[in-house]
Amino acid sequence: MSKALRLSGLAAALLLSACQMVGPDYHTPQEAALNRADLQGSLAEGDSNVVSAPVPQDWWKLYHDPRLDALVRQAMASNTDLRVAAANIARSRAQIEQAQAEGGFDFNAKAEAQRLQESGEAFLMTEKLPVDNLGSASLNLSYQFDLWGTLKRGIEAARASADATQAAADTARITVVADVVRAYTQVCAANEEYEIARHSLELQQEGVQLTQRLRDAGRGDETQVTRSETQYKSLGAELPRYQASRQAGLYKLSMLLATPVAQLPADVANCAELPRINQLMPVGDGAALLKRRPDIRQAERRLAAATANIGVATGQLYPDISIGATVGTVGILDDLGHPATNRWGIGPLINWNVPTNGARARIRETEASTQAALANFDGVVLNAIRETQTGLAQYAALLQRRDALADAEQSAQQAADQTHQFFRAGRASFLADLQATRTYTDVRGQLAAANTQVAMEQINLFLALGGGWESARQVPSAR
């Protein structure tokens, strides 16, 4: 037995000395778009509407709206997409454990008993063997050597895939936050614009009544009445649109928070003031953006997993070698455990599926998958920059339009005030006074819509900047 142990020890030493890692070691490719110098600089250079300050983790708190904060917290705790993401993370962690369990020590025990009629000819005997009760019991212990690093590459791939799954969950979190803020903003904007439209409708109704009185007094005609009634009906037709927009926002919040509309906070449905950020938008710089966006991290981790899979496929070209030991007893059931029935063995075990063209084709397949993952990684990086730069350009344009409408609203208000003073002094007709007030109300409606567009674009910009997942990880229910 000592000679066998020495031989086994020598074989193990030779095997361990041959250990090496097949396949390429992963590192971020130098030629990847992530490393381009032109993508690392300022995002806000020459833009006075934003500032190159770090993007806050809880960016929605810049609105200083406790109702909105509560909605975001509830969504983080109960949103169905985040529950799916949490389950995917748990699955990916189990896959890591499964990969780590491959190779190494393996132990199994086996025992059986049966009444058996053996074949005499199988033992080169011509007579019939007697029927008897036979049994066996054995313990087997083996250790598989990861000579080529195949198992380690599998663990690398599993860990990289788990990181990618975590990044996908972070993307889901920032998307849910943005959707909650967007739905809440939609409800507030719809209520605000509805009130402006309703006031404009009331003014138009007064205009209809005035034209009717002028017609009846012989100072107007039916055409003026018809025109005024047409405008009134046209304005009235807009009111259901705002009501539908409000309900759509509430339904979206209901879905995001996984709660019935009736159970949403009552003051949410009655919100009539658009949430605003009373400071310049913090956007950071390109380098921070590329580090922060979880979709970029997801693409990079997928590239790492694809690279590790090259090593897994390459390892299939080489034999699996392990060392094992077995001890047991085989024989007639009543004699089990006696010296004549005992058996044991120890030694190296080699299992080698001779490589075929299919095995080498799998290596080429994984190499091609790595190239595809690199191209996808570059595409995600470039798209992140495009989304952010496009969002900044659109945000600047919407701010300019909003500011122009704000000036127009001030002018319209001034004109309405002056016309009303002339009317009270008898220097302008009531119809002129009504028309000036209606014009002012119309411009107010346009300004409210412009403010809504600015608010929505701010949300889109924060989403493009990729902020918000850091704090979301701290919510226990979202893990």
Protein backbone atom coordinates (compact mmCIF):
# COMPACT_ATOMS: atom_id res chain seq x y z
CA MET A 1 0.00 0.00 0.00
CA SER A 2 2.84 2.42 0.74
CA LYS A 3 4.19 1.87 -2.78
CA ALA A 4 0.81 2.78 -4.26
CA LEU A 5 0.64 5.90 -2.14
CA ARG A 6 4.10 6.94 -3.29
CA LEU A 7 3.13 6.46 -6.92
CA SER A 8 -0.06 8.45 -6.42
CA GLY A 9 1.82 11.23 -4.66
CA LEU A 10 4.34 11.39 -7.49
CA ALA A 11 1.56 11.54 -10.07
CA ALA A 12 -0.17 14.33 -8.15
CA ALA A 13 3.04 16.34 -7.94
CA LEU A 14 3.58 16.01 -11.69
CA LEU A 15 0.02 17.06 -12.35
CA LEU A 16 0.23 20.11 -10.13
CA SER A 17 3.48 21.20 -11.77
CA ALA A 18 1.68 21.22 -15.11
CA CYS A 19 -1.11 23.61 -14.01
CA GLN A 20 -1.71 26.54 -16.31
CA MET A 21 -4.56 28.83 -17.34
CA VAL A 22 -5.74 28.41 -20.91
CA GLY A 23 -7.48 31.21 -22.74
CA PRO A 24 -6.82 34.96 -22.60
CA ASP A 25 -6.73 36.92 -19.34
CA TYR A 26 -9.35 39.67 -19.40
CA HIS A 27 -8.58 43.37 -19.32
CA THR A 28 -10.48 46.27 -20.80
CA PRO A 29 -9.22 46.50 -24.39
CA GLN A 30 -7.04 49.54 -24.97
CA GLU A 31 -8.84 50.19 -28.25
CA ALA A 32 -12.28 50.21 -26.58
CA ALA A 33 -14.34 53.37 -27.00
CA LEU A 34 -14.38 53.70 -23.21
CA ASN A 35 -10.74 54.80 -23.37
CA ARG A 36 -11.20 57.48 -26.02
CA ALA A 37 -9.89 60.81 -24.74
CA ASP A 38 -12.52 62.83 -26.60
CA LEU A 39 -15.28 61.15 -24.58
CA GLN A 40 -13.82 62.00 -21.19
CA GLY A 41 -14.17 65.78 -21.19
CA SER A 42 -16.79 68.28 -20.12
CA LEU A 43 -20.41 67.74 -21.08
CA ALA A 44 -21.48 71.27 -20.24
CA GLU A 45 -18.78 73.38 -21.86
CA GLY A 46 -20.34 76.63 -23.09
CA ASP A 47 -23.79 75.67 -21.75
CA SER A 48 -25.02 78.13 -19.14
CA ASN A 49 -28.09 76.02 -18.37
CA VAL A 50 -26.15 73.25 -16.63
CA VAL A 51 -23.12 72.94 -14.39
CA SER A 52 -20.28 70.41 -14.33
CA ALA A 53 -21.04 69.33 -10.77
CA PRO A 54 -21.38 65.69 -9.68
CA VAL A 55 -24.79 64.18 -10.35
CA PRO A 56 -26.47 63.59 -6.96
CA GLN A 57 -27.39 60.01 -6.12
CA ASP A 58 -30.92 61.02 -5.07
CA TRP A 59 -31.43 63.45 -7.94
CA TRP A 60 -35.23 63.48 -7.49
CA LYS A 61 -34.74 65.16 -4.12
CA LEU A 62 -33.68 68.29 -5.98
CA TYR A 63 -37.42 68.92 -6.44
CA HIS A 64 -37.84 69.23 -2.65
CA ASP A 65 -41.20 67.46 -2.89
CA PRO A 66 -41.96 65.08 0.02
CA ARG A 67 -44.82 63.46 -1.92
CA LEU A 68 -42.45 62.57 -4.74
CA ASP A 69 -39.86 61.22 -2.31
CA ALA A 70 -42.49 58.95 -0.76
CA LEU A 71 -43.59 57.66 -4.17
CA VAL A 72 -40.02 56.79 -5.12
CA ARG A 73 -39.45 54.94 -1.85
CA GLN A 74 -42.63 52.94 -2.31
CA ALA A 75 -41.70 52.05 -5.89
CA MET A 76 -38.25 50.88 -4.78
CA ALA A 77 -39.90 48.57 -2.27
CA SER A 78 -42.70 47.06 -4.37
CA ASN A 79 -42.10 47.53 -8.10
CA THR A 80 -42.50 44.30 -10.05
CA ASP A 81 -39.58 44.96 -12.40
CA LEU A 82 -37.30 45.33 -9.38
CA ARG A 83 -38.62 42.08 -7.96
CA VAL A 84 -37.66 40.38 -11.21
CA ALA A 85 -34.23 42.03 -11.03
CA ALA A 86 -33.75 40.82 -7.45
CA ALA A 87 -34.64 37.27 -8.48
CA ASN A 88 -32.17 37.44 -11.37
CA ILE A 89 -29.44 38.56 -8.98
CA ALA A 90 -30.18 35.64 -6.66
CA ARG A 91 -30.05 33.26 -9.63
CA SER A 92 -26.70 34.65 -10.79
CA ARG A 93 -25.23 34.23 -7.30
CA ALA A 94 -26.39 30.60 -7.28
CA GLN A 95 -24.67 30.14 -10.64
CA ILE A 96 -21.42 31.40 -9.09
CA GLU A 97 -21.79 28.86 -6.29
CA GLN A 98 -22.46 26.15 -8.85
CA ALA A 99 -19.32 27.08 -10.80
CA GLN A 100 -17.24 27.12 -7.60
CA ALA A 101 -18.54 23.66 -6.71
CA GLU A 102 -17.20 22.18 -9.95
CA GLY A 103 -13.98 20.13 -9.63
CA GLY A 104 -12.12 19.68 -6.37
CA PHE A 105 -13.21 16.94 -3.99
CA ASP A 106 -16.07 14.62 -4.85
CA PHE A 107 -17.41 12.00 -2.46
CA ASN A 108 -20.09 9.40 -2.94
CA ALA A 109 -21.30 6.29 -1.18
CA LYS A 110 -23.13 3.35 -2.69
CA ALA A 111 -24.75 0.21 -1.29
CA GLU A 112 -26.96 -2.44 -2.87
CA ALA A 113 -28.33 -5.91 -2.23
CA GLN A 114 -30.04 -8.33 -4.60
CA ARG A 115 -30.90 -11.97 -5.10
CA LEU A 116 -28.95 -12.91 -8.17
CA GLN A 117 -28.48 -15.73 -10.66
CA GLU A 118 -25.08 -15.16 -12.25
CA SER A 119 -24.15 -16.56 -15.67
CA GLY A 120 -21.68 -19.45 -15.43
CA GLU A 121 -20.23 -18.84 -18.87
CA ALA A 122 -19.41 -15.29 -17.86
CA PHE A 123 -16.89 -16.88 -15.51
CA LEU A 124 -15.78 -19.50 -18.11
CA MET A 125 -17.73 -22.21 -16.35
CA THR A 126 -20.05 -24.72 -17.98
CA GLU A 127 -22.21 -25.50 -14.97
CA LYS A 128 -25.04 -23.37 -13.64
CA LEU A 129 -24.16 -21.18 -10.69
CA PRO A 130 -26.41 -21.22 -7.64
CA VAL A 131 -28.84 -18.43 -6.86
CA ASP A 132 -27.65 -16.44 -3.89
CA ASN A 133 -28.02 -13.11 -2.05
CA LEU A 134 -25.28 -10.74 -3.17
CA GLY A 135 -24.44 -7.28 -1.92
CA SER A 136 -21.92 -4.52 -2.23
CA ALA A 137 -20.97 -1.30 -0.46
CA SER A 138 -18.37 1.26 -1.42
CA LEU A 139 -17.05 4.72 -0.56
CA ASN A 140 -15.42 6.76 -3.31
CA LEU A 141 -13.36 9.91 -2.90
CA SER A 142 -11.75 11.81 -5.77
CA TYR A 143 -10.12 15.15 -6.39
CA GLN A 144 -10.24 16.74 -9.84
CA PHE A 145 -7.28 18.91 -10.73
CA ASP A 146 -7.98 22.09 -12.64
CA LEU A 147 -4.80 21.67 -14.68
CA TRP A 148 -5.78 23.99 -17.48
CA GLY A 149 -7.71 26.55 -15.48
CA THR A 150 -10.97 25.53 -17.14
CA LEU A 151 -12.88 25.60 -13.86
CA LYS A 152 -11.36 28.92 -12.85
CA ARG A 153 -12.37 30.39 -16.20
CA GLY A 154 -15.89 29.10 -15.57
CA ILE A 155 -15.92 30.88 -12.21
CA GLU A 156 -14.65 34.06 -13.89
CA ALA A 157 -17.45 33.84 -16.46
CA ALA A 158 -20.07 33.25 -13.77
CA ARG A 159 -18.86 36.19 -11.68
CA ALA A 160 -18.74 38.50 -14.68
CA SER A 161 -22.26 37.43 -15.66
CA ALA A 162 -23.43 38.10 -12.10
CA ASP A 163 -21.90 41.58 -12.26
CA ALA A 164 -23.73 42.16 -15.54
CA THR A 165 -26.98 41.03 -13.91
CA GLN A 166 -26.39 43.46 -11.05
CA ALA A 167 -25.79 46.26 -13.56
CA ALA A 168 -29.04 45.34 -15.34
CA ALA A 169 -30.82 45.60 -12.00
CA ASP A 170 -29.28 49.04 -11.47
CA THR A 171 -30.56 50.08 -14.90
CA ALA A 172 -34.01 48.87 -13.91
CA ARG A 173 -33.83 50.95 -10.73
CA ILE A 174 -32.95 54.22 -12.43
CA THR A 175 -35.63 53.56 -15.06
CA VAL A 176 -38.26 52.97 -12.39
CA VAL A 177 -37.25 56.17 -10.56
CA ALA A 178 -37.43 58.18 -13.78
CA ASP A 179 -40.82 56.66 -14.63
CA VAL A 180 -42.19 57.52 -11.19
CA VAL A 181 -41.02 61.14 -11.44
CA ARG A 182 -42.34 61.33 -15.01
CA ALA A 183 -45.78 59.94 -14.08
CA TYR A 184 -46.04 62.26 -11.08
CA THR A 185 -45.05 65.22 -13.23
CA GLN A 186 -47.65 64.20 -15.80
CA VAL A 187 -50.41 64.23 -13.16
CA CYS A 188 -49.36 67.66 -11.82
CA ALA A 189 -48.97 69.13 -15.32
CA ALA A 190 -52.35 67.79 -16.47
CA ASN A 191 -54.09 69.31 -13.46
CA GLU A 192 -52.35 72.66 -13.94
CA GLU A 193 -53.05 72.85 -17.67
CA TYR A 194 -56.64 71.72 -17.11
CA GLU A 195 -57.30 74.64 -14.78
CA ILE A 196 -55.82 77.10 -17.28
CA ALA A 197 -57.88 75.61 -20.11
CA ARG A 198 -61.03 75.67 -17.99
CA HIS A 199 -60.49 79.35 -17.18
CA SER A 200 -59.95 80.09 -20.86
CA LEU A 201 -63.19 78.22 -21.62
CA GLU A 202 -65.08 80.34 -19.09
CA LEU A 203 -63.76 83.51 -20.74
CA GLN A 204 -64.81 82.21 -24.13
CA GLN A 205 -68.26 81.48 -22.78
CA GLU A 206 -68.53 85.10 -21.67
CA GLY A 207 -67.52 86.09 -25.21
CA VAL A 208 -70.30 83.93 -26.68
CA GLN A 209 -72.85 85.53 -24.39
CA LEU A 210 -71.59 89.01 -25.31
CA THR A 211 -71.80 88.40 -29.08
CA GLN A 212 -75.30 87.02 -28.61
CA ARG A 213 -76.37 90.16 -26.73
CA LEU A 214 -74.79 92.37 -29.42
CA ARG A 215 -76.61 90.42 -32.11
CA ASP A 216 -79.91 90.73 -30.29
CA ALA A 217 -79.32 94.48 -29.87
CA GLY A 218 -78.68 94.87 -33.60
CA ARG A 219 -75.00 95.68 -33.13
CA GLY A 220 -73.67 92.35 -34.39
CA ASP A 221 -74.50 89.55 -36.76
CA GLU A 222 -74.96 85.79 -36.69
CA THR A 223 -71.48 85.18 -38.13
CA GLN A 224 -69.80 86.63 -35.05
CA VAL A 225 -71.96 84.47 -32.82
CA THR A 226 -71.17 81.35 -34.82
CA ARG A 227 -67.44 82.11 -34.79
CA SER A 228 -67.49 82.68 -31.05
CA GLU A 229 -69.44 79.47 -30.41
CA THR A 230 -66.98 77.53 -32.60
CA GLN A 231 -64.06 78.77 -30.52
CA TYR A 232 -65.93 77.85 -27.34
CA LYS A 233 -66.59 74.30 -28.56
CA SER A 234 -63.00 73.95 -29.75
CA LEU A 235 -61.67 74.94 -26.34
CA GLY A 236 -64.12 72.62 -24.61
CA ALA A 237 -62.90 69.73 -26.71
CA GLU A 238 -59.42 70.10 -25.15
CA LEU A 239 -60.54 69.47 -21.57
CA PRO A 240 -60.95 65.67 -21.87
CA ARG A 241 -57.35 65.46 -23.13
CA TYR A 242 -56.02 66.86 -19.85
CA GLN A 243 -58.29 64.61 -17.83
CA ALA A 244 -57.11 61.57 -19.78
CA SER A 245 -53.48 62.59 -19.30
CA ARG A 246 -54.06 62.91 -15.56
CA GLN A 247 -55.65 59.46 -15.36
CA ALA A 248 -52.88 57.94 -17.47
CA GLY A 249 -50.31 59.33 -15.03
CA LEU A 250 -52.21 57.87 -12.09
CA TYR A 251 -52.50 54.48 -13.79
CA LYS A 252 -48.75 54.54 -14.49
CA LEU A 253 -48.03 55.29 -10.83
CA SER A 254 -50.39 52.48 -9.85
CA MET A 255 -48.43 50.05 -11.98
CA LEU A 256 -45.00 51.30 -10.85
CA LEU A 257 -45.94 51.14 -7.16
CA ALA A 258 -47.91 47.88 -7.56
CA THR A 259 -50.87 49.39 -5.74
CA PRO A 260 -54.46 50.23 -6.79
CA VAL A 261 -55.15 53.79 -7.93
CA ALA A 262 -57.60 54.20 -5.06
CA GLN A 263 -54.79 53.50 -2.60
CA LEU A 264 -52.40 56.10 -3.95
CA PRO A 265 -51.87 59.07 -1.62
CA ALA A 266 -54.88 61.36 -2.05
CA ASP A 267 -52.82 64.51 -2.53
CA VAL A 268 -51.03 62.97 -5.53
CA ALA A 269 -54.16 63.01 -7.69
CA ASN A 270 -54.82 66.63 -6.71
CA CYS A 271 -51.29 67.90 -7.37
CA ALA A 272 -51.70 71.10 -9.37
CA GLU A 273 -48.19 72.58 -9.29
CA LEU A 274 -45.48 71.30 -11.58
CA PRO A 275 -42.39 70.06 -9.67
CA ARG A 276 -39.39 72.25 -10.45
CA ILE A 277 -35.65 72.21 -9.80
CA ASN A 278 -34.57 75.62 -8.56
CA GLN A 279 -30.92 75.33 -9.56
CA LEU A 280 -28.77 74.60 -12.56
CA MET A 281 -28.78 70.99 -13.69
CA PRO A 282 -25.68 69.13 -12.41
CA VAL A 283 -24.36 66.90 -15.21
CA GLY A 284 -20.75 66.07 -14.29
CA ASP A 285 -18.33 65.22 -17.09
CA GLY A 286 -17.83 62.48 -19.65
CA ALA A 287 -15.42 60.43 -17.54
CA ALA A 288 -17.85 60.33 -14.61
CA LEU A 289 -20.75 59.51 -16.94
CA LEU A 290 -18.96 56.49 -18.41
CA LYS A 291 -18.19 55.18 -14.94
CA ARG A 292 -21.69 55.83 -13.62
CA ARG A 293 -23.95 54.46 -16.36
CA PRO A 294 -24.94 50.90 -15.36
CA ASP A 295 -25.63 49.84 -18.95
CA ILE A 296 -21.96 50.54 -19.75
CA ARG A 297 -20.91 48.42 -16.77
CA GLN A 298 -23.27 45.69 -17.92
CA ALA A 299 -21.78 45.65 -21.42
CA GLU A 300 -18.23 45.61 -20.02
CA ARG A 301 -19.01 42.68 -17.73
CA ARG A 302 -20.57 40.77 -20.61
CA LEU A 303 -17.33 41.28 -22.51
CA ALA A 304 -15.41 39.89 -19.51
CA ALA A 305 -17.70 36.84 -19.37
CA ALA A 306 -17.29 36.23 -23.10
CA THR A 307 -13.50 36.41 -22.74
CA ALA A 308 -13.54 33.90 -19.88
CA ASN A 309 -15.67 31.54 -21.97
CA ILE A 310 -12.81 31.31 -24.48
CA GLY A 311 -10.77 29.65 -21.74
CA VAL A 312 -13.66 27.32 -20.88
CA ALA A 313 -13.94 26.21 -24.51
CA THR A 314 -10.16 25.87 -24.89
CA GLY A 315 -9.98 23.69 -21.79
CA GLN A 316 -12.21 21.12 -23.50
CA LEU A 317 -9.25 20.25 -25.75
CA TYR A 318 -7.32 18.76 -22.83
CA PRO A 319 -7.96 15.77 -20.59
CA ASP A 320 -9.63 15.95 -17.20
CA ILE A 321 -7.30 14.39 -14.63
CA SER A 322 -8.16 13.51 -11.06
CA ILE A 323 -6.88 11.30 -8.29
CA GLY A 324 -9.25 9.01 -6.47
CA ALA A 325 -9.55 6.39 -3.80
CA THR A 326 -12.21 3.76 -3.23
CA VAL A 327 -12.88 1.26 -0.46
CA GLY A 328 -15.67 -1.27 -0.34
CA THR A 329 -16.89 -4.80 0.00
CA VAL A 330 -18.49 -7.03 -2.64
CA GLY A 331 -19.74 -10.59 -2.27
CA ILE A 332 -22.38 -12.84 -0.77
CA LEU A 333 -24.57 -10.81 1.53
CA ASP A 334 -23.68 -12.85 4.65
CA ASP A 335 -19.94 -12.50 3.98
CA LEU A 336 -19.80 -8.73 3.43
CA GLY A 337 -17.02 -7.18 5.47
CA HIS A 338 -14.91 -10.34 5.60
CA PRO A 339 -11.37 -10.07 4.20
CA ALA A 340 -12.27 -12.12 1.14
CA THR A 341 -14.91 -9.58 0.07
CA ASN A 342 -13.04 -6.36 0.81
CA ARG A 343 -11.53 -4.21 -1.91
CA TRP A 344 -9.74 -0.84 -2.16
CA GLY A 345 -7.92 1.19 -4.75
CA ILE A 346 -6.12 4.48 -5.23
CA GLY A 347 -4.66 6.20 -8.26
CA PRO A 348 -4.96 8.86 -10.93
CA LEU A 349 -7.95 8.91 -13.27
CA ILE A 350 -7.82 10.34 -16.78
CA ASN A 351 -10.85 11.23 -18.83
CA TRP A 352 -10.11 12.68 -22.27
CA ASN A 353 -12.55 13.22 -25.06
CA VAL A 354 -10.22 13.45 -28.03
CA PRO A 355 -10.75 16.90 -29.60
CA THR A 356 -12.68 17.01 -32.85
CA ASN A 357 -13.33 19.79 -35.32
CA GLY A 358 -16.45 20.59 -33.32
CA ALA A 359 -14.37 21.43 -30.23
CA ARG A 360 -12.19 23.83 -32.16
CA ALA A 361 -15.27 25.35 -33.77
CA ARG A 362 -16.61 26.08 -30.28
CA ILE A 363 -13.42 28.02 -29.53
CA ARG A 364 -13.87 30.06 -32.69
CA GLU A 365 -17.50 30.61 -31.71
CA THR A 366 -16.53 32.02 -28.29
CA GLU A 367 -13.87 34.21 -29.89
CA ALA A 368 -16.48 35.61 -32.28
CA SER A 369 -18.84 36.15 -29.35
CA THR A 370 -16.10 38.15 -27.64
CA GLN A 371 -15.71 40.37 -30.68
CA ALA A 372 -19.46 40.91 -30.75
CA ALA A 373 -19.43 41.75 -27.03
CA LEU A 374 -16.64 44.29 -27.62
CA ALA A 375 -18.59 45.90 -30.45
CA ASN A 376 -21.68 46.04 -28.25
CA PHE A 377 -19.60 47.55 -25.43
CA ASP A 378 -18.36 50.29 -27.75
CA GLY A 379 -21.87 50.89 -29.03
CA VAL A 380 -23.27 51.29 -25.52
CA VAL A 381 -20.52 53.79 -24.64
CA LEU A 382 -21.11 55.87 -27.76
CA ASN A 383 -24.87 55.73 -27.29
CA ALA A 384 -24.52 56.98 -23.70
CA ILE A 385 -22.60 60.02 -24.90
CA ARG A 386 -25.10 60.58 -27.73
CA GLU A 387 -28.10 60.36 -25.40
CA THR A 388 -26.55 62.82 -22.97
CA GLN A 389 -25.43 65.32 -25.58
CA THR A 390 -28.77 65.12 -27.38
CA GLY A 391 -30.59 65.59 -24.10
CA LEU A 392 -28.48 68.66 -23.28
CA ALA A 393 -29.17 70.19 -26.70
CA GLN A 394 -32.92 69.57 -26.43
CA TYR A 395 -32.95 70.88 -22.87
CA ALA A 396 -31.25 74.12 -23.94
CA ALA A 397 -33.73 74.57 -26.81
CA LEU A 398 -36.74 73.95 -24.55
CA LEU A 399 -35.41 76.43 -22.01
CA GLN A 400 -35.07 79.07 -24.73
CA ARG A 401 -38.63 78.43 -25.87
CA ARG A 402 -39.89 78.50 -22.28
CA ASP A 403 -38.11 81.81 -21.61
CA ALA A 404 -39.55 83.33 -24.80
CA LEU A 405 -43.05 82.26 -23.81
CA ALA A 406 -42.47 83.66 -20.31
CA ASP A 407 -41.68 87.05 -21.90
CA ALA A 408 -44.77 86.73 -24.09
CA GLU A 409 -46.87 85.90 -21.04
CA GLN A 410 -45.67 89.04 -19.28
CA SER A 411 -46.49 91.12 -22.36
CA ALA A 412 -49.91 89.52 -22.67
CA GLN A 413 -50.61 90.16 -18.99
CA GLN A 414 -49.55 93.78 -19.36
CA ALA A 415 -51.77 94.19 -22.44
CA ALA A 416 -54.70 92.59 -20.62
CA ASP A 417 -54.25 94.90 -17.61
CA GLN A 418 -54.04 97.99 -19.83
CA THR A 419 -57.08 96.99 -21.88
CA HIS A 420 -59.06 96.37 -18.72
CA GLN A 421 -58.13 99.83 -17.43
CA PHE A 422 -59.24 101.36 -20.75
CA PHE A 423 -62.49 99.42 -20.50
CA ARG A 424 -63.17 100.70 -16.99
CA ALA A 425 -62.43 104.22 -18.23
CA GLY A 426 -64.83 103.77 -21.15
CA ARG A 427 -62.06 103.89 -23.76
CA ALA A 428 -62.30 100.19 -24.79
CA SER A 429 -65.19 97.82 -25.33
CA PHE A 430 -65.95 94.87 -23.14
CA LEU A 431 -65.28 92.60 -26.12
CA ALA A 432 -61.76 94.03 -26.48
CA ASP A 433 -61.19 93.58 -22.76
CA LEU A 434 -62.40 89.99 -22.97
CA GLN A 435 -60.23 89.27 -26.00
CA ALA A 436 -57.09 90.63 -24.30
CA THR A 437 -57.77 88.50 -21.20
CA ARG A 438 -58.38 85.43 -23.35
CA THR A 439 -55.10 86.04 -25.22
CA TYR A 440 -53.29 86.23 -21.90
CA THR A 441 -54.90 82.97 -20.79
CA ASP A 442 -53.91 81.27 -24.05
CA VAL A 443 -50.28 82.32 -23.61
CA ARG A 444 -50.43 81.05 -20.02
CA GLY A 445 -51.51 77.68 -21.39
CA GLN A 446 -48.63 77.64 -23.85
CA LEU A 447 -46.20 78.55 -21.08
CA ALA A 448 -47.57 75.79 -18.85
CA ALA A 449 -47.10 73.27 -21.67
CA ALA A 450 -43.54 74.56 -22.21
CA ASN A 451 -42.80 74.16 -18.51
CA THR A 452 -44.06 70.60 -18.72
CA GLN A 453 -41.74 69.88 -21.64
CA VAL A 454 -38.80 71.33 -19.70
CA ALA A 455 -39.65 69.19 -16.67
CA MET A 456 -39.95 66.04 -18.78
CA GLU A 457 -36.65 66.75 -20.53
CA GLN A 458 -34.96 67.21 -17.15
CA ILE A 459 -36.13 63.72 -16.21
CA ASN A 460 -34.88 62.32 -19.53
CA LEU A 461 -31.54 64.02 -18.95
CA PHE A 462 -31.16 62.59 -15.46
CA LEU A 463 -32.00 59.16 -16.88
CA ALA A 464 -29.35 59.61 -19.57
CA LEU A 465 -26.85 60.62 -16.89
CA GLY A 466 -27.46 57.29 -15.15
CA GLY A 467 -27.86 58.54 -11.60
CA GLY A 468 -29.98 57.03 -8.86
CA TRP A 469 -29.01 53.36 -8.66
CA GLU A 470 -26.47 53.88 -5.87
CA SER A 471 -29.07 54.87 -3.28
CA ALA A 472 -31.63 52.41 -4.58
CA ARG A 473 -29.32 49.56 -3.54
CA GLN A 474 -29.77 50.63 0.05
CA VAL A 475 -33.50 49.81 -0.01
CA PRO A 476 -33.73 46.36 1.65
CA SER A 477 -36.83 45.25 -0.27
CA ALA A 478 -35.16 45.97 -3.61
CA ARG A 479 -32.14 43.79 -3.04
